[in-house]
Protein backbone atom coordinates (compact mmCIF):
# COMPACT_ATOMS: atom_id res chain seq x y z
CA UNK A 1 -201.17 -19.65 -93.26
CA UNK A 2 -203.74 -18.09 -90.30
CA UNK A 3 -201.72 -16.61 -87.13
CA UNK A 4 -202.04 -18.54 -84.09
CA UNK A 5 -203.54 -17.01 -81.10
CA UNK A 6 -201.37 -16.80 -78.11
CA UNK A 7 -202.83 -18.86 -75.39
CA UNK A 8 -204.34 -20.89 -77.99
CA UNK A 9 -204.73 -24.60 -75.54
CA UNK A 10 -206.76 -23.06 -73.07
CA UNK A 11 -209.30 -22.11 -76.04
CA UNK A 12 -209.21 -25.48 -77.33
CA UNK A 13 -212.47 -26.49 -76.32
CA UNK A 14 -213.83 -23.36 -78.53
CA UNK A 15 -212.56 -25.46 -81.79
CA UNK A 16 -213.74 -28.85 -80.42
CA UNK A 17 -217.06 -26.94 -80.08
CA UNK A 18 -216.73 -25.99 -83.86
CA UNK A 19 -215.78 -30.10 -84.74
CA UNK A 20 -219.00 -31.14 -83.00
CA UNK A 21 -220.74 -28.49 -85.04
CA UNK A 22 -220.30 -30.35 -88.31
CA UNK A 23 -220.29 -33.38 -86.48
CA UNK A 24 -223.91 -35.52 -86.66
CA UNK A 25 -222.28 -37.26 -83.33
CA UNK A 26 -222.38 -34.22 -81.47
CA UNK A 27 -222.81 -34.28 -77.68
CA UNK A 28 -225.95 -33.42 -75.66
CA UNK A 29 -225.85 -29.58 -75.65
CA UNK A 30 -226.61 -29.50 -72.40
CA UNK A 31 -223.53 -31.34 -70.89
CA UNK A 32 -221.19 -29.50 -73.78
CA UNK A 33 -222.58 -26.06 -72.51
CA UNK A 34 -222.95 -27.12 -68.79
CA UNK A 35 -218.54 -27.96 -69.45
CA UNK A 36 -217.97 -25.39 -71.31
CA UNK A 37 -219.54 -23.35 -68.13
CA UNK A 38 -217.15 -24.97 -65.89
CA UNK A 39 -213.98 -24.31 -68.04
CA UNK A 40 -214.55 -20.56 -68.24
CA UNK A 41 -215.09 -20.46 -64.97
CA UNK A 42 -211.99 -22.41 -63.86
CA UNK A 43 -209.89 -20.18 -65.98
CA UNK A 44 -211.71 -17.28 -64.11
CA UNK A 45 -210.82 -18.82 -60.94
CA UNK A 46 -207.07 -19.27 -61.26
CA UNK A 47 -206.88 -16.45 -63.12
CA UNK A 48 -207.07 -14.98 -59.71
CA UNK A 49 -205.02 -17.21 -58.19
CA UNK A 50 -202.10 -16.43 -60.38
CA UNK A 51 -202.81 -12.77 -59.67
CA UNK A 52 -202.67 -12.89 -56.21
CA UNK A 53 -205.84 -12.10 -56.26
CA UNK A 54 -204.98 -8.16 -58.13
CA UNK A 55 -206.89 -8.55 -61.17
CA UNK A 56 -205.97 -5.44 -62.22
CA UNK A 57 -202.50 -6.90 -63.05
CA UNK A 58 -200.25 -3.90 -61.14
CA UNK A 59 -198.23 -6.64 -58.98
CA UNK A 60 -199.93 -5.79 -55.92
CA UNK A 61 -201.28 -8.94 -54.92
CA UNK A 62 -200.91 -11.36 -52.54
CA UNK A 63 -198.52 -14.97 -52.49
CA UNK A 64 -200.07 -17.99 -54.15
CA UNK A 65 -200.02 -19.28 -50.82
CA UNK A 66 -202.14 -16.76 -49.29
CA UNK A 67 -204.56 -16.26 -52.31
CA UNK A 68 -205.14 -20.27 -51.86
CA UNK A 69 -206.10 -20.06 -48.94
CA UNK A 70 -208.29 -17.24 -49.09
CA UNK A 71 -210.00 -18.99 -51.61
CA UNK A 72 -210.90 -21.96 -49.64
CA UNK A 73 -211.79 -20.06 -46.98
CA UNK A 74 -214.27 -17.64 -49.15
CA UNK A 75 -215.67 -20.65 -51.14
CA UNK A 76 -216.65 -22.61 -47.59
CA UNK A 77 -218.21 -19.04 -46.44
CA UNK A 78 -220.16 -19.24 -49.64
CA UNK A 79 -221.03 -23.08 -48.72
CA UNK A 80 -221.90 -23.74 -45.32
CA UNK A 81 -222.40 -19.93 -44.20
CA UNK A 82 -225.93 -20.43 -43.78
CA UNK A 83 -225.92 -23.83 -42.62
CA UNK A 84 -228.17 -22.88 -39.40
CA UNK A 85 -230.31 -26.43 -39.05
CA UNK A 86 -229.81 -29.96 -39.25
CA UNK A 87 -230.65 -30.45 -42.54
CA UNK A 88 -228.85 -31.69 -45.98
CA UNK A 89 -227.17 -29.04 -48.18
CA UNK A 90 -228.74 -27.71 -50.79
CA UNK A 91 -228.01 -30.34 -53.97
CA UNK A 92 -226.60 -26.93 -56.34
CA UNK A 93 -224.89 -26.01 -53.08
CA UNK A 94 -223.12 -29.40 -52.53
CA UNK A 95 -222.44 -30.12 -56.00
CA UNK A 96 -220.95 -26.78 -56.59
CA UNK A 97 -218.35 -27.16 -53.10
CA UNK A 98 -217.30 -30.51 -54.68
CA UNK A 99 -216.60 -29.31 -57.85
CA UNK A 100 -215.00 -26.06 -56.37
CA UNK A 101 -213.10 -27.68 -53.64
CA UNK A 102 -211.34 -30.46 -55.98
CA UNK A 103 -210.43 -27.64 -58.67
CA UNK A 104 -208.69 -25.68 -55.28
CA UNK A 105 -207.46 -29.19 -54.29
CA UNK A 106 -205.60 -30.39 -57.12
CA UNK A 107 -202.89 -27.73 -56.84
CA UNK A 108 -201.40 -30.22 -53.88
CA UNK A 109 -201.09 -32.99 -56.84
CA UNK A 110 -198.36 -31.16 -58.36
CA UNK A 111 -196.36 -30.76 -55.22
CA UNK A 112 -193.69 -33.24 -55.33
CA UNK A 113 -190.40 -34.46 -53.05
CA UNK A 114 -188.17 -36.23 -54.99
CA UNK A 115 -187.31 -40.04 -53.54
CA UNK A 116 -184.90 -43.00 -54.51
CA UNK A 117 -186.02 -45.93 -56.12
CA UNK A 118 -185.13 -48.85 -58.51
CA UNK A 119 -185.75 -49.82 -62.39
CA UNK A 120 -184.86 -52.31 -63.79
CA UNK A 121 -183.46 -51.76 -67.81
CA UNK A 122 -183.95 -54.02 -70.72
CA UNK A 123 -180.89 -55.21 -70.04
CA UNK A 124 -181.91 -56.83 -66.68
CA UNK A 125 -179.50 -53.77 -65.18
CA UNK A 126 -180.62 -52.99 -61.70
CA UNK A 127 -180.10 -48.99 -61.70
CA UNK A 128 -181.20 -46.53 -58.70
CA UNK A 129 -183.00 -43.59 -59.53
CA UNK A 130 -185.07 -41.01 -58.46
CA UNK A 131 -188.65 -40.59 -58.93
CA UNK A 132 -191.42 -37.53 -57.99
CA UNK A 133 -194.38 -38.09 -55.73
CA UNK A 134 -196.65 -36.06 -53.56
CA UNK A 135 -194.99 -34.74 -50.43
CA UNK A 136 -195.10 -36.63 -47.60
CA UNK A 137 -197.72 -34.73 -45.48
CA UNK A 138 -199.52 -33.87 -48.45
CA UNK A 139 -200.12 -37.29 -49.47
CA UNK A 140 -201.66 -38.45 -45.27
CA UNK A 141 -203.35 -35.64 -44.62
CA UNK A 142 -205.20 -34.47 -48.44
CA UNK A 143 -207.13 -37.83 -48.03
CA UNK A 144 -207.64 -37.77 -44.38
CA UNK A 145 -209.36 -34.24 -44.73
CA UNK A 146 -211.08 -35.32 -47.68
CA UNK A 147 -213.22 -38.29 -45.82
CA UNK A 148 -213.46 -36.03 -42.56
CA UNK A 149 -215.50 -33.70 -45.23
CA UNK A 150 -217.42 -36.59 -46.64
CA UNK A 151 -217.99 -37.48 -43.12
CA UNK A 152 -219.69 -34.07 -42.23
CA UNK A 153 -221.78 -33.90 -45.30
CA UNK A 154 -223.09 -37.34 -44.88
CA UNK A 155 -223.82 -36.61 -41.25
CA UNK A 156 -226.00 -33.48 -42.78
CA UNK A 157 -227.49 -36.10 -45.09
CA UNK A 158 -229.10 -38.27 -42.44
CA UNK A 159 -231.12 -35.74 -40.80
CA UNK A 160 -233.42 -35.66 -44.28
CA UNK A 161 -235.55 -38.01 -42.90
CA UNK A 162 -236.14 -36.98 -39.32
CA UNK A 163 -239.27 -36.01 -37.97
CA UNK A 164 -239.23 -35.63 -34.50
CA UNK A 165 -237.87 -32.01 -34.25
CA UNK A 166 -238.52 -28.85 -36.51
CA UNK A 167 -237.37 -25.52 -36.24
CA UNK A 168 -239.21 -22.26 -35.92
CA UNK A 169 -238.29 -18.39 -36.55
CA UNK A 170 -237.42 -16.04 -34.13
CA UNK A 171 -240.54 -14.47 -35.31
CA UNK A 172 -243.01 -17.47 -34.72
CA UNK A 173 -241.28 -18.87 -31.59
CA UNK A 174 -243.30 -17.37 -28.52
CA UNK A 175 -240.81 -17.46 -26.46
CA UNK A 176 -238.21 -14.45 -26.61
CA UNK A 177 -234.63 -16.15 -26.65
CA UNK A 178 -231.97 -14.13 -24.64
CA UNK A 179 -228.99 -15.60 -25.64
CA UNK A 180 -226.17 -15.50 -28.20
CA UNK A 181 -227.62 -17.26 -30.61
CA UNK A 182 -230.81 -15.31 -31.45
CA UNK A 183 -230.74 -15.73 -34.91
CA UNK A 184 -230.43 -19.37 -35.34
CA UNK A 185 -233.64 -21.16 -35.84
CA UNK A 186 -235.15 -22.61 -32.18
CA UNK A 187 -235.55 -26.22 -32.75
CA UNK A 188 -238.95 -27.86 -31.59
CA UNK A 189 -239.54 -31.42 -30.44
CA UNK A 190 -242.94 -33.06 -29.11
CA UNK A 191 -243.93 -32.39 -26.24
CA UNK A 192 -242.76 -35.75 -24.26
CA UNK A 193 -239.66 -34.71 -25.84
CA UNK A 194 -237.29 -37.08 -28.24
CA UNK A 195 -238.21 -40.84 -28.28
CA UNK A 196 -235.26 -43.08 -27.02
CA UNK A 197 -234.41 -44.16 -30.84
CA UNK A 198 -234.17 -40.45 -31.68
CA UNK A 199 -231.88 -39.70 -28.78
CA UNK A 200 -229.48 -42.70 -28.85
CA UNK A 201 -229.05 -41.83 -32.91
CA UNK A 202 -228.46 -38.27 -31.92
CA UNK A 203 -225.79 -39.02 -29.69
CA UNK A 204 -223.92 -41.04 -32.12
CA UNK A 205 -224.84 -38.39 -34.66
CA UNK A 206 -222.75 -35.86 -31.86
CA UNK A 207 -220.14 -38.37 -31.42
CA UNK A 208 -219.02 -38.77 -35.07
CA UNK A 209 -219.21 -34.93 -35.27
CA UNK A 210 -217.17 -34.68 -31.99
CA UNK A 211 -214.35 -37.22 -33.46
CA UNK A 212 -214.16 -35.54 -36.74
CA UNK A 213 -213.76 -31.79 -34.69
CA UNK A 214 -210.80 -33.84 -33.07
CA UNK A 215 -209.36 -34.87 -36.14
CA UNK A 216 -209.12 -31.94 -37.84
CA UNK A 217 -208.15 -29.72 -35.08
CA UNK A 218 -204.94 -32.32 -34.56
CA UNK A 219 -204.29 -31.82 -38.26
CA UNK A 220 -204.63 -27.87 -37.94
CA UNK A 221 -202.29 -27.55 -35.39
CA UNK A 222 -199.69 -30.05 -36.71
CA UNK A 223 -199.30 -27.49 -40.07
CA UNK A 224 -199.66 -24.66 -38.15
CA UNK A 225 -196.44 -25.73 -35.74
CA UNK A 226 -194.90 -26.29 -38.69
CA UNK A 227 -195.30 -22.75 -40.40
CA UNK A 228 -192.17 -20.58 -39.86
CA UNK A 229 -192.73 -17.60 -37.51
CA UNK A 230 -192.74 -14.18 -39.26
CA UNK A 231 -189.62 -11.93 -38.39
CA UNK A 232 -192.20 -9.07 -38.20
CA UNK A 233 -194.12 -11.18 -34.79
CA UNK A 234 -190.89 -11.68 -33.47
CA UNK A 235 -189.87 -8.01 -33.33
CA UNK A 236 -193.31 -7.00 -31.57
CA UNK A 237 -192.58 -9.93 -28.68
CA UNK A 238 -191.67 -7.76 -25.50
CA UNK A 239 -188.22 -8.51 -23.90
CA UNK A 240 -189.68 -11.32 -21.53
CA UNK A 241 -192.30 -13.12 -21.11
CA UNK A 242 -192.98 -11.25 -17.75
CA UNK A 243 -193.78 -7.91 -19.89
CA UNK A 244 -195.91 -10.33 -21.60
CA UNK A 245 -197.83 -11.84 -19.62
CA UNK A 246 -198.12 -9.20 -17.03
CA UNK A 247 -197.60 -9.40 -12.96
CA UNK A 248 -200.25 -11.43 -12.23
CA UNK A 249 -200.68 -14.20 -14.93
CA UNK A 250 -196.43 -14.76 -14.43
CA UNK A 251 -196.75 -14.97 -10.57
CA UNK A 252 -199.10 -17.61 -11.08
CA UNK A 253 -197.29 -19.51 -13.19
CA UNK A 254 -193.90 -19.27 -11.88
CA UNK A 255 -195.41 -20.27 -8.51
CA UNK A 256 -193.95 -23.35 -7.13
CA UNK A 257 -196.71 -25.16 -6.60
CA UNK A 258 -198.59 -25.12 -10.57
CA UNK A 259 -202.36 -26.68 -11.34
CA UNK A 260 -203.39 -25.68 -14.90
CA UNK A 261 -207.35 -25.82 -13.96
CA UNK A 262 -206.75 -23.58 -10.80
CA UNK A 263 -204.86 -21.22 -12.41
CA UNK A 264 -207.93 -21.21 -15.42
CA UNK A 265 -210.51 -20.92 -12.52
CA UNK A 266 -208.77 -17.64 -11.71
CA UNK A 267 -209.09 -16.44 -15.00
CA UNK A 268 -211.17 -14.02 -15.86
CA UNK A 269 -212.89 -15.92 -18.83
CA UNK A 270 -216.43 -14.59 -19.49
CA UNK A 271 -216.31 -13.72 -22.76
CA UNK A 272 -214.07 -14.95 -25.88
CA UNK A 273 -212.54 -11.44 -26.11
CA UNK A 274 -210.98 -11.84 -22.76
CA UNK A 275 -210.01 -15.51 -23.62
CA UNK A 276 -208.16 -14.41 -26.88
CA UNK A 277 -206.05 -12.23 -25.27
CA UNK A 278 -204.65 -14.77 -22.55
CA UNK A 279 -203.81 -16.64 -25.50
CA UNK A 280 -202.30 -14.35 -27.08
CA UNK A 281 -200.17 -13.48 -24.11
CA UNK A 282 -199.26 -17.05 -23.48
CA UNK A 283 -198.12 -17.95 -26.90
CA UNK A 284 -196.29 -14.91 -26.71
CA UNK A 285 -194.59 -15.94 -23.87
CA UNK A 286 -193.79 -19.19 -25.13
CA UNK A 287 -192.17 -18.00 -28.49
CA UNK A 288 -189.85 -15.17 -26.05
CA UNK A 289 -188.91 -18.59 -23.84
CA UNK A 290 -188.23 -20.96 -27.18
CA UNK A 291 -185.81 -17.85 -28.28
CA UNK A 292 -183.92 -17.09 -25.82
CA UNK A 293 -183.33 -20.99 -25.24
CA UNK A 294 -181.79 -21.46 -28.53
CA UNK A 295 -178.37 -20.45 -28.41
CA UNK A 296 -178.19 -18.74 -31.83
CA UNK A 297 -180.80 -16.64 -31.07
CA UNK A 298 -178.59 -15.28 -27.76
CA UNK A 299 -178.45 -11.49 -27.48
CA UNK A 300 -177.89 -9.06 -25.28
CA UNK A 301 -181.07 -7.48 -25.35
CA UNK A 302 -182.62 -11.04 -24.34
CA UNK A 303 -180.58 -11.86 -21.66
CA UNK A 304 -182.21 -12.85 -18.68
CA UNK A 305 -181.02 -13.57 -14.86
CA UNK A 306 -183.47 -16.65 -15.35
CA UNK A 307 -182.04 -20.53 -15.52
CA UNK A 308 -182.44 -22.21 -19.21
CA UNK A 309 -183.95 -25.23 -16.84
CA UNK A 310 -186.29 -23.06 -15.13
CA UNK A 311 -187.08 -21.43 -18.78
CA UNK A 312 -187.97 -24.96 -19.78
CA UNK A 313 -190.03 -25.34 -17.36
CA UNK A 314 -192.41 -22.12 -17.63
CA UNK A 315 -192.72 -22.89 -20.92
CA UNK A 316 -193.91 -26.33 -20.55
CA UNK A 317 -196.89 -24.84 -18.16
CA UNK A 318 -197.33 -22.24 -20.12
CA UNK A 319 -197.90 -24.76 -23.52
CA UNK A 320 -200.29 -26.78 -20.95
CA UNK A 321 -202.83 -23.51 -20.36
CA UNK A 322 -202.78 -23.11 -24.37
CA UNK A 323 -203.47 -26.92 -24.62
CA UNK A 324 -206.85 -26.70 -22.41
CA UNK A 325 -208.09 -23.66 -24.25
CA UNK A 326 -207.55 -25.09 -27.35
CA UNK A 327 -209.56 -27.93 -26.39
CA UNK A 328 -212.26 -26.41 -23.81
CA UNK A 329 -213.15 -23.59 -26.57
CA UNK A 330 -212.79 -24.89 -30.11
CA UNK A 331 -214.47 -22.70 -31.56
CA UNK A 332 -212.24 -19.59 -30.32
CA UNK A 333 -210.96 -17.35 -33.37
CA UNK A 334 -207.08 -17.48 -34.38
CA UNK A 335 -204.75 -16.47 -32.16
CA UNK A 336 -202.54 -13.55 -33.31
CA UNK A 337 -199.61 -15.65 -33.84
CA UNK A 338 -202.04 -17.75 -36.38
CA UNK A 339 -202.93 -15.17 -37.87
CA UNK A 340 -199.22 -14.19 -38.66
CA UNK A 341 -198.18 -17.43 -39.71
CA UNK A 342 -201.11 -17.62 -42.58
CA UNK A 343 -200.57 -14.22 -43.63
CA UNK A 344 -196.59 -14.39 -44.38
CA UNK A 345 -196.97 -18.53 -45.06
CA UNK A 346 -195.08 -19.13 -48.32
CA UNK A 347 -195.09 -23.17 -48.73
CA UNK A 348 -198.59 -23.68 -50.83
CA UNK A 349 -199.05 -27.17 -49.46
CA UNK A 350 -199.19 -26.03 -45.77
CA UNK A 351 -201.66 -22.76 -46.96
CA UNK A 352 -204.09 -25.50 -48.31
CA UNK A 353 -203.77 -28.01 -45.45
CA UNK A 354 -204.25 -24.99 -42.97
CA UNK A 355 -207.30 -23.68 -44.62
CA UNK A 356 -208.95 -27.45 -45.57
CA UNK A 357 -208.45 -28.80 -42.00
CA UNK A 358 -209.34 -24.95 -40.73
CA UNK A 359 -212.88 -24.86 -42.52
CA UNK A 360 -213.79 -28.68 -41.38
CA UNK A 361 -212.99 -27.61 -37.83
CA UNK A 362 -215.65 -24.91 -37.96
CA UNK A 363 -218.30 -26.78 -39.68
CA UNK A 364 -217.70 -29.92 -37.39
CA UNK A 365 -217.91 -27.17 -34.97
CA UNK A 366 -221.42 -25.85 -36.42
CA UNK A 367 -222.96 -29.18 -36.58
CA UNK A 368 -221.56 -29.93 -33.11
CA UNK A 369 -223.75 -26.85 -32.05
CA UNK A 370 -226.73 -27.51 -33.72
CA UNK A 371 -226.77 -30.98 -32.36
CA UNK A 372 -226.52 -29.84 -28.77
CA UNK A 373 -229.45 -27.30 -29.61
CA UNK A 374 -232.16 -29.84 -30.26
CA UNK A 375 -230.96 -32.52 -27.90
CA UNK A 376 -231.03 -29.09 -25.09
CA UNK A 377 -234.44 -28.32 -26.27
CA UNK A 378 -235.55 -32.43 -25.52
CA UNK A 379 -233.93 -31.90 -22.02
CA UNK A 380 -236.26 -28.62 -21.22
CA UNK A 381 -239.08 -30.49 -22.72
CA UNK A 382 -238.84 -33.72 -20.63
CA UNK A 383 -237.44 -31.68 -17.45
CA UNK A 384 -239.13 -27.88 -17.69
CA UNK A 385 -236.89 -27.19 -14.07
CA UNK A 386 -233.59 -27.60 -16.19
CA UNK A 387 -235.19 -23.76 -17.78
CA UNK A 388 -234.85 -22.41 -14.17
CA UNK A 389 -231.42 -23.43 -14.13
CA UNK A 390 -229.92 -22.07 -17.40
CA UNK A 391 -230.83 -18.69 -18.91
CA UNK A 392 -229.66 -19.56 -22.07
CA UNK A 393 -228.28 -22.53 -24.71
CA UNK A 394 -225.21 -24.59 -23.52
CA UNK A 395 -222.29 -23.89 -26.11
CA UNK A 396 -220.81 -26.72 -27.98
CA UNK A 397 -217.46 -25.75 -26.01
CA UNK A 398 -218.94 -27.04 -23.07
CA UNK A 399 -219.78 -30.50 -24.42
CA UNK A 400 -217.12 -31.09 -26.33
CA UNK A 401 -215.15 -30.47 -23.17
CA UNK A 402 -217.58 -32.51 -21.47
CA UNK A 403 -217.26 -35.98 -24.25
CA UNK A 404 -213.42 -35.18 -23.96
CA UNK A 405 -213.37 -36.11 -20.43
CA UNK A 406 -216.05 -38.76 -20.44
CA UNK A 407 -215.73 -42.58 -21.55
CA UNK A 408 -218.04 -43.45 -24.74
CA UNK A 409 -217.63 -47.31 -24.91
CA UNK A 410 -219.58 -47.10 -28.28
CA UNK A 411 -217.10 -44.10 -30.23
CA UNK A 412 -215.09 -44.79 -33.03
CA UNK A 413 -211.71 -43.37 -33.53
CA UNK A 414 -210.66 -41.73 -36.77
CA UNK A 415 -209.02 -45.37 -37.43
CA UNK A 416 -212.65 -46.61 -37.17
CA UNK A 417 -213.51 -44.05 -39.90
CA UNK A 418 -210.72 -44.12 -42.13
CA UNK A 419 -210.87 -47.46 -42.18
CA UNK A 420 -207.03 -47.88 -41.82
CA UNK A 421 -205.41 -50.86 -38.98
CA UNK A 422 -202.26 -50.84 -37.34
CA UNK A 423 -200.93 -54.36 -35.65
CA UNK A 424 -201.46 -53.82 -32.66
CA UNK A 425 -204.78 -54.50 -30.13
CA UNK A 426 -207.85 -52.51 -29.82
CA UNK A 427 -207.01 -50.86 -26.63
CA UNK A 428 -203.82 -49.22 -27.96
CA UNK A 429 -205.33 -48.14 -31.11
CA UNK A 430 -208.16 -46.52 -29.25
CA UNK A 431 -205.81 -45.21 -26.48
CA UNK A 432 -203.09 -43.45 -29.40
CA UNK A 433 -206.42 -41.40 -30.72
CA UNK A 434 -207.83 -40.65 -27.24
CA UNK A 435 -207.82 -36.62 -27.03
CA UNK A 436 -208.85 -36.45 -23.11
CA UNK A 437 -208.75 -33.22 -21.45
CA UNK A 438 -209.88 -34.39 -17.54
CA UNK A 439 -209.99 -31.70 -14.98
CA UNK A 440 -208.53 -34.34 -12.90
CA UNK A 441 -205.57 -34.57 -14.83
CA UNK A 442 -202.63 -32.14 -15.33
CA UNK A 443 -201.51 -31.65 -18.93
CA UNK A 444 -198.29 -31.25 -20.37
CA UNK A 445 -196.48 -31.22 -23.63
CA UNK A 446 -195.28 -34.94 -25.14
CA UNK A 447 -191.25 -33.24 -24.57
CA UNK A 448 -191.92 -33.28 -20.58
CA UNK A 449 -192.47 -36.97 -20.43
CA UNK A 450 -189.28 -37.63 -22.32
CA UNK A 451 -187.18 -35.21 -20.39
CA UNK A 452 -188.54 -36.33 -17.31
CA UNK A 453 -185.59 -37.46 -15.65
CA UNK A 454 -183.86 -34.34 -16.77
CA UNK A 455 -186.14 -32.80 -14.75
CA UNK A 456 -186.52 -34.81 -11.94
CA UNK A 457 -182.73 -33.84 -11.40
CA UNK A 458 -183.14 -30.13 -11.91
CA UNK A 459 -186.22 -29.89 -9.41
CA UNK A 460 -184.26 -31.36 -6.88
CA UNK A 461 -180.93 -29.25 -7.25
CA UNK A 462 -183.14 -26.39 -7.14
CA UNK A 463 -184.78 -27.54 -4.19
CA UNK A 464 -181.53 -27.71 -2.16
CA UNK A 465 -180.62 -24.83 -3.54
CA UNK A 466 -183.41 -22.61 -2.55
CA UNK A 467 -184.63 -24.83 -0.10
CA UNK A 468 -188.45 -25.45 -1.69
CA UNK A 469 -189.87 -28.00 -4.33
CA UNK A 470 -190.95 -27.36 -7.45
CA UNK A 471 -193.69 -29.51 -9.08
CA UNK A 472 -194.77 -29.73 -12.40
CA UNK A 473 -196.74 -33.05 -13.61
CA UNK A 474 -197.49 -34.08 -16.94
CA UNK A 475 -199.34 -36.24 -19.01
CA UNK A 476 -198.95 -36.36 -22.75
CA UNK A 477 -201.30 -35.74 -25.39
CA UNK A 478 -201.35 -37.87 -27.98
CA UNK A 479 -203.72 -36.47 -30.57
CA UNK A 480 -202.73 -36.67 -33.85
CA UNK A 481 -203.38 -38.49 -36.66
CA UNK A 482 -202.27 -38.30 -39.62
CA UNK A 483 -215.08 -35.83 -60.31
CA UNK A 484 -213.51 -33.99 -62.26
CA UNK A 485 -214.97 -33.95 -66.15
CA UNK A 486 -213.20 -35.37 -68.72
CA UNK A 487 -213.18 -31.73 -70.34
CA UNK A 488 -211.44 -29.58 -67.32
CA UNK A 489 -209.42 -32.35 -66.44
CA UNK A 490 -206.43 -31.22 -68.78
CA UNK A 491 -206.94 -27.64 -68.26
CA UNK A 492 -207.36 -27.87 -64.99
CA UNK A 493 -204.37 -29.90 -64.14
CA UNK A 494 -202.68 -26.99 -66.40
CA UNK A 495 -203.46 -24.29 -63.83
CA UNK A 496 -202.21 -26.22 -60.93
CA UNK A 497 -198.75 -26.69 -62.34
CA UNK A 498 -198.54 -22.67 -63.35
CA UNK A 499 -199.45 -21.91 -59.71
CA UNK A 500 -197.56 -24.07 -58.15
CA UNK A 501 -194.51 -23.21 -59.93
CA UNK A 502 -195.39 -19.67 -59.47
CA UNK A 503 -194.36 -19.71 -56.10
């Protein structure tokens, strides 16, 4: 009897290949070779994931969650890293992206939960049983992210037939670009600018991409908020929020009359590094205040004379600032807290959701920037005086803020894109998915509204005690939303299940 090799199911295609060699009805050799190549490529990719990116097998690899997160991030970088123009993706790149992202997302098919169900036996007896289904957060968000992914690729595909603008390299450009986009090709438009039809069409594309950006940001923020805060991050925090923020910022946040927009206008936000540093400081202070408000974490080293009610108000003010920063600067790098959560996260499902939503957010931001480059070139052509007022191209960050604060009658919500409907009026649906960040309205988290009565009593009490009143306005944010070939499907499911079981 011939000795069976260990791991023979992975080599099942080889025996199939030998079988077809003696069969007159063998499939197309090119198709067969391509499928065989896909299997080998998939085996190599999943082997790397199973080993935690440590191909030496020395046990020094990272967790499966982090390995999958890195794999999705690296795949997106290789597929979209060179997207410097408004043009369709290369067919080979698009096919590779869809094929490999399907492999990585197939892992979520094996992340399940038990739910109650009913079953009727042959005798007609009704029984209560437990069945498995895909975890709820994955069941909701993975299809939504796939739809957003397809919408972005379709948006790029729409620019295939346009012929009113073109790109020139920096060498061919007579005008020297002294801005932060010097490596990006410069868009050129006709002498009279874009036609009115093209201008309206470009605005429609911008609105669509803007909705995709906000939807991806909402999913990513929700997933990150559900991740546990690593102990290593908590141990690195100072003992109080004042030490984290600094005296100047702490004094501004604890002032009797707090206006988040005025506060940001007094901060130095001239560079990405300074904005990120402010975000890191405020996030650290929020974690400190939350821990102090949690009774089980009360320790002598964390004790302070600040009342619980005041900490709640300070926490909500800090979260207001974080909210505005997030939507004013959507292209901002990840904060120290987010990086720490991703690094130490062990939930494979959350890792996939976070990384997939993050790369969609990044691609949407890139496409939005490229659209803005074209519209800015058009505005300069029609009104050359605009070039004297601006020395560099406007960023997409400013455009997102402008779009968020403006009412666009023709813009669609995520419900319109996804094809979902609710038994409510059109106005209510749009209000639920509106993500406006207006400078004329002070914003606080949703929980501020839920505790409005309680906080009003607290403020009146403090006013009587201190002889002064404290104000804290709120507007809740309600921007949350919720093919493989036959030759590789079975092997892909086996790899995915094995990867999930490893964790």
